[in-house]
């Protein structure tokens, strides 16, 4: 119990810093504007990424 309480007291700022959200958009070819399937998209400066499913 004491270890859990200590951890919670020491990390409230870290918990507040974790924001959640959604990024939406389209990955398309220049000119034709056709969707590109299986394009890798990442958020710069993070370890977050995904593949498109056009």
Foldseek 3Di string as FASTA:
>chain_A
DVVVVVVVVVCPVVVVPDDDDDDDDFDADPPVRHGDFQDWDADPPDPDIDTHHD
